[in-house]
Protein backbone atom coordinates (compact mmCIF):
# COMPACT_ATOMS: atom_id res chain seq x y z
CA MET A 1 29.75 -11.06 15.20
CA THR A 2 32.57 -12.55 13.22
CA LYS A 3 32.95 -16.13 12.10
CA GLU A 4 36.17 -16.22 14.13
CA THR A 5 34.33 -15.29 17.33
CA ILE A 6 31.70 -17.96 16.73
CA GLU A 7 34.42 -20.54 16.08
CA GLN A 8 36.16 -19.57 19.34
CA VAL A 9 32.97 -20.11 21.34
CA LEU A 10 32.42 -23.51 19.71
CA LYS A 11 36.07 -24.48 20.22
CA PHE A 12 35.83 -23.58 23.91
CA ARG A 13 32.80 -25.86 24.21
CA ASP A 14 34.37 -28.69 22.22
CA GLU A 15 37.66 -28.63 24.14
CA ARG A 16 35.65 -29.38 27.29
CA ASN A 17 33.38 -31.98 25.67
CA TRP A 18 30.31 -30.00 26.68
CA LYS A 19 28.38 -30.38 23.42
CA GLN A 20 26.83 -33.56 24.84
CA PHE A 21 25.00 -31.41 27.40
CA HIS A 22 23.76 -28.82 24.92
CA ASN A 23 20.23 -29.58 23.82
CA PRO A 24 17.77 -26.92 22.65
CA LYS A 25 15.72 -26.98 25.86
CA ASP A 26 18.65 -26.52 28.21
CA LEU A 27 20.26 -23.88 26.00
CA ALA A 28 16.98 -21.94 25.84
CA ILE A 29 16.80 -22.10 29.64
CA SER A 30 20.40 -20.89 29.87
CA ILE A 31 19.70 -17.96 27.52
CA SER A 32 16.74 -16.97 29.67
CA LEU A 33 18.72 -17.26 32.91
CA GLU A 34 21.59 -15.18 31.58
CA ALA A 35 19.15 -12.59 30.23
CA ALA A 36 17.63 -12.42 33.72
CA GLU A 37 21.12 -11.79 35.13
CA LEU A 38 21.50 -8.95 32.63
CA LEU A 39 18.16 -7.54 33.77
CA GLU A 40 19.27 -7.85 37.38
CA VAL A 41 21.97 -5.25 36.69
CA PHE A 42 19.15 -2.70 36.52
CA GLN A 43 17.08 -4.01 39.44
CA TRP A 44 16.23 -1.36 42.04
CA SER A 45 17.89 1.27 39.92
CA ALA A 46 16.49 4.75 40.06
CA GLU A 47 18.08 5.51 36.71
CA ASP A 48 17.14 2.35 34.88
CA VAL A 49 17.84 3.82 31.45
CA ARG A 50 21.51 4.56 32.06
CA CYS A 51 24.38 2.13 31.74
CA GLU A 52 27.58 4.15 32.19
CA GLU A 53 28.26 2.98 35.74
CA LYS A 54 27.23 -0.60 35.00
CA LYS A 55 29.07 -1.26 31.76
CA ASP A 56 31.44 -3.90 33.14
CA LYS A 57 28.59 -6.02 34.50
CA ILE A 58 26.49 -5.42 31.39
CA ARG A 59 29.40 -6.54 29.19
CA GLU A 60 29.82 -9.73 31.19
CA GLU A 61 26.14 -10.69 31.23
CA LEU A 62 25.53 -9.72 27.61
CA ALA A 63 28.51 -11.85 26.57
CA ASP A 64 26.96 -14.81 28.42
CA VAL A 65 23.66 -14.31 26.58
CA LEU A 66 25.43 -14.08 23.22
CA ASN A 67 27.58 -17.13 23.90
CA TYR A 68 24.51 -19.22 24.68
CA CYS A 69 22.82 -17.87 21.54
CA ILE A 70 25.80 -19.05 19.47
CA LEU A 71 25.59 -22.47 21.10
CA MET A 72 21.83 -22.65 20.50
CA ALA A 73 22.20 -21.72 16.83
CA ASP A 74 24.90 -24.35 16.39
CA THR A 75 22.89 -27.05 18.16
CA CYS A 76 19.84 -26.30 15.99
CA GLY A 77 21.88 -26.06 12.77
CA LEU A 78 21.02 -22.40 12.23
CA ASP A 79 23.23 -19.79 10.59
CA MET A 80 23.23 -16.70 12.81
CA ASP A 81 23.76 -14.22 9.97
CA GLU A 82 20.93 -15.79 7.99
CA ILE A 83 18.39 -15.81 10.81
CA ILE A 84 19.25 -12.25 11.83
CA GLN A 85 18.94 -11.00 8.24
CA GLU A 86 15.57 -12.78 7.91
CA LYS A 87 14.35 -11.17 11.13
CA ILE A 88 15.49 -7.71 10.03
CA LYS A 89 13.51 -8.17 6.81
CA LYS A 90 10.38 -9.27 8.70
CA ASN A 91 10.69 -6.38 11.13
CA ALA A 92 11.11 -3.93 8.26
CA GLU A 93 7.78 -5.17 6.86
CA LYS A 94 6.07 -4.92 10.26
CA TYR A 95 7.57 -1.54 11.07
CA PRO A 96 7.82 0.53 7.88
CA VAL A 97 9.77 3.73 8.47
CA GLU A 98 6.87 5.96 7.43
CA LYS A 99 4.67 4.46 10.18
CA ALA A 100 7.16 3.54 12.88
CA TYR A 101 9.60 6.46 12.85
CA GLY A 102 9.69 7.96 16.33
CA HIS A 103 6.94 5.67 17.67
CA LYS A 104 7.27 2.93 20.27
CA GLU A 105 3.97 1.18 19.63
CA LYS A 106 3.80 -2.44 18.55
CA TYR A 107 3.28 -3.00 14.83
CA THR A 108 -0.36 -3.96 15.43
CA GLU A 109 -0.98 -0.49 16.85
CA LEU A 110 0.70 1.57 14.15
């Protein structure tokens, strides 16, 4: 995600004076609700691992989730690149390639 994209999301919010409504609790709820809408795309699907026919709806719902994540990071004063890089590092420690390669188990089971 580019800095320009993040700035566009924040500008959209600021132009509408919506920052006043964005607190961590409500943004976390919004992330969860939008993630549920993304999950709904696959509800009652016989082929729940495919996305070709659902890409337009997936794009829309995933964008909503990401937009709320940008707003949450901004509200909490978090740098998205920094927190993602930190999480990648932690996951690399939990899931070393030699143990995790080709396995789906949680790190506690490897």
